[in-house]
Protein backbone atom coordinates (compact mmCIF):
# COMPACT_ATOMS: atom_id res chain seq x y z
CA MET A 1 14.83 9.29 7.35
CA GLU A 2 12.04 8.11 9.56
CA PHE A 3 9.07 6.44 8.29
CA GLY A 4 5.42 6.47 9.16
CA PHE A 5 1.96 7.64 8.33
CA ARG A 6 -0.81 9.78 9.76
CA GLU A 7 -4.46 10.52 8.79
CA LYS A 8 -5.12 13.94 7.17
CA ALA A 9 -8.58 15.82 7.25
CA HIS A 10 -10.53 15.18 4.10
CA THR A 11 -14.15 16.50 3.34
CA ALA A 12 -15.62 13.31 2.12
CA ASP A 13 -13.18 10.23 2.03
CA TRP A 14 -10.14 9.38 4.11
CA GLU A 15 -6.77 10.81 3.34
CA LEU A 16 -3.54 9.22 4.65
CA GLU A 17 0.06 10.91 4.32
CA VAL A 18 2.94 8.46 4.34
CA TRP A 19 6.62 8.96 4.38
CA ALA A 20 9.58 6.57 4.02
CA PRO A 21 13.22 6.49 3.02
CA ASN A 22 12.56 4.42 -0.12
CA LEU A 23 9.55 2.83 -2.06
CA PRO A 24 9.36 -0.67 -0.60
CA CYS A 25 9.15 0.99 2.85
CA LEU A 26 6.61 3.57 1.55
CA LEU A 27 4.46 0.79 0.32
CA GLU A 28 4.51 -1.04 3.73
CA GLN A 29 3.83 2.11 5.60
CA ALA A 30 0.86 2.85 3.18
CA ALA A 31 -0.50 -0.72 3.84
CA ARG A 32 -0.10 -0.35 7.65
CA GLY A 33 -1.76 3.17 7.52
CA MET A 34 -4.57 1.88 5.51
CA TYR A 35 -5.32 -1.00 7.88
CA ARG A 36 -5.13 1.41 10.92
CA LEU A 37 -7.63 3.77 9.18
CA SER A 38 -10.03 0.96 8.65
CA GLY A 39 -9.53 -0.32 12.29
CA LEU A 40 -8.60 -3.78 11.00
CA LYS A 41 -8.37 -6.52 13.67
CA LEU A 42 -6.66 -9.97 13.03
CA ARG A 43 -7.28 -13.36 14.76
CA SER A 44 -4.25 -15.09 16.31
CA GLY A 45 -3.04 -18.39 15.26
CA PRO A 46 -1.10 -19.87 12.36
CA ALA A 47 0.12 -17.17 10.06
CA GLN A 48 -0.99 -17.38 6.31
CA ARG A 49 1.54 -16.65 3.49
CA ARG A 50 0.76 -15.02 0.25
CA LYS A 51 3.03 -13.76 -2.59
CA LEU A 52 2.42 -10.82 -4.79
CA ASP A 53 4.10 -10.09 -8.23
CA LEU A 54 2.77 -6.70 -9.57
CA ARG A 55 3.91 -4.23 -12.32
CA ALA A 56 3.11 -0.66 -13.15
CA VAL A 57 4.17 2.12 -15.36
CA ASP A 58 5.01 4.41 -12.36
CA ALA A 59 5.38 4.56 -8.58
CA GLU A 60 1.91 5.74 -8.25
CA GLY A 61 0.39 2.99 -10.21
CA LEU A 62 2.43 0.45 -8.12
CA LEU A 63 1.29 2.03 -4.86
CA VAL A 64 -2.45 1.87 -6.03
CA ARG A 65 -2.06 -1.74 -7.45
CA PHE A 66 -0.38 -3.04 -4.17
CA LEU A 67 -3.04 -1.44 -1.88
CA THR A 68 -5.92 -2.75 -4.16
CA GLU A 69 -4.55 -6.28 -3.96
CA LEU A 70 -4.54 -5.99 -0.14
CA LEU A 71 -8.19 -4.78 -0.36
CA TRP A 72 -8.92 -7.85 -2.55
CA PHE A 73 -7.50 -10.15 0.03
CA GLU A 74 -9.46 -8.32 2.87
CA GLN A 75 -12.74 -8.51 0.93
CA GLY A 76 -12.33 -11.60 -1.08
CA GLN A 77 -10.50 -14.01 1.39
CA GLY A 78 -11.03 -12.29 4.74
CA LEU A 79 -7.15 -12.00 5.17
CA GLY A 80 -5.12 -8.98 6.41
CA PHE A 81 -1.38 -8.74 6.72
CA ASN A 82 0.99 -7.69 9.42
CA SER A 83 4.30 -8.71 8.01
CA PHE A 84 5.73 -7.44 4.67
CA ILE A 85 8.86 -8.39 2.65
CA ILE A 86 8.88 -5.97 -0.45
CA HIS A 87 11.21 -5.82 -3.21
CA VAL A 88 10.81 -3.28 -6.04
CA ILE A 89 12.61 -3.03 -9.20
CA GLN A 90 12.64 0.54 -10.60
CA PRO A 91 13.07 1.56 -14.20
CA GLY A 92 16.36 1.36 -15.95
CA GLY A 93 17.68 3.33 -18.91
CA ASN A 94 16.30 0.94 -21.52
CA ALA A 95 12.52 1.18 -20.61
CA THR A 96 10.32 2.44 -23.28
CA GLU A 97 7.25 4.51 -23.15
CA GLY A 98 4.28 2.51 -22.09
CA ASP A 99 6.38 -0.30 -20.61
CA ASP A 100 5.52 -1.61 -16.99
CA LYS A 101 8.74 0.14 -15.69
CA TYR A 102 8.05 -0.86 -11.96
CA SER A 103 8.05 -4.36 -10.69
CA LEU A 104 7.12 -5.56 -7.27
CA GLN A 105 7.61 -8.97 -5.71
CA ALA A 106 6.30 -9.17 -2.03
CA GLU A 107 5.76 -11.87 0.47
CA LEU A 108 2.95 -11.10 2.95
CA MET A 109 2.32 -12.94 6.27
CA GLY A 110 -1.16 -12.31 7.90
CA TYR A 111 -4.10 -13.84 9.65
CA PRO A 112 -8.00 -14.06 9.24
CA ILE A 113 -9.86 -10.75 9.88
CA THR A 114 -12.06 -10.73 12.90
CA GLY A 115 -13.28 -7.37 12.33
CA LEU A 116 -13.15 -3.77 10.69
CA ASP A 117 -14.43 -0.59 11.95
CA LYS A 118 -15.09 0.55 8.36
CA GLU A 119 -14.66 -0.69 4.94
CA ILE A 120 -12.49 0.95 2.40
CA LYS A 121 -14.08 0.62 -1.04
CA ALA A 122 -11.09 1.79 -3.09
CA VAL A 123 -7.70 3.40 -3.45
CA THR A 124 -7.95 6.40 -5.54
CA TYR A 125 -5.67 8.36 -7.77
CA HIS A 126 -6.99 11.73 -6.66
CA ASN A 127 -4.03 14.10 -6.38
CA LEU A 128 -1.83 11.04 -6.04
CA ARG A 129 1.86 11.75 -6.58
CA VAL A 130 4.89 10.06 -4.91
CA LEU A 131 7.32 12.88 -4.18
CA SER A 132 10.99 12.60 -3.83
CA THR A 133 12.51 14.90 -1.09
CA PRO A 134 15.89 15.27 0.48
CA GLU A 135 14.61 13.06 3.26
CA GLY A 136 13.03 10.33 1.17
CA LEU A 137 9.68 9.79 -0.33
CA ARG A 138 6.28 11.35 0.68
CA VAL A 139 2.83 10.49 -0.78
CA SER A 140 -0.93 11.36 0.25
CA ILE A 141 -3.37 8.67 -0.51
CA VAL A 142 -7.15 9.16 -0.74
CA PHE A 143 -9.29 6.33 -0.02
CA ASP A 144 -13.01 6.01 -1.13
CA VAL A 145 -15.07 4.80 1.80
């Protein structure tokens, strides 16, 4: 399956459709799409490395937590990322109700931000559902701007 993203028409906020063969690739494409929507521009120079360790009860929660962390780096540290190494552990047979079933470890490489066309305030759960298709995974993400 191919991977990618594209903006979808939305009445008030921004909506991004993302597709990929697996969850780590879907998360990366969602990040790249979010950055493209906001018009993120990065300074050249020595790369900065950050690591993430996130958990969530489902794929949707993991997606929101991941993108929200990227927004935190953007707004709190002035960093954006263009290189992603993402590993996701999905639920096994012995997970119980209420457990954080999905685990993400990521290494991000990026640079200080030199500009944004428009700031994204939040990643929403509005109609958020990671769909499994014969070709892979698909999701539509709505961003509050």
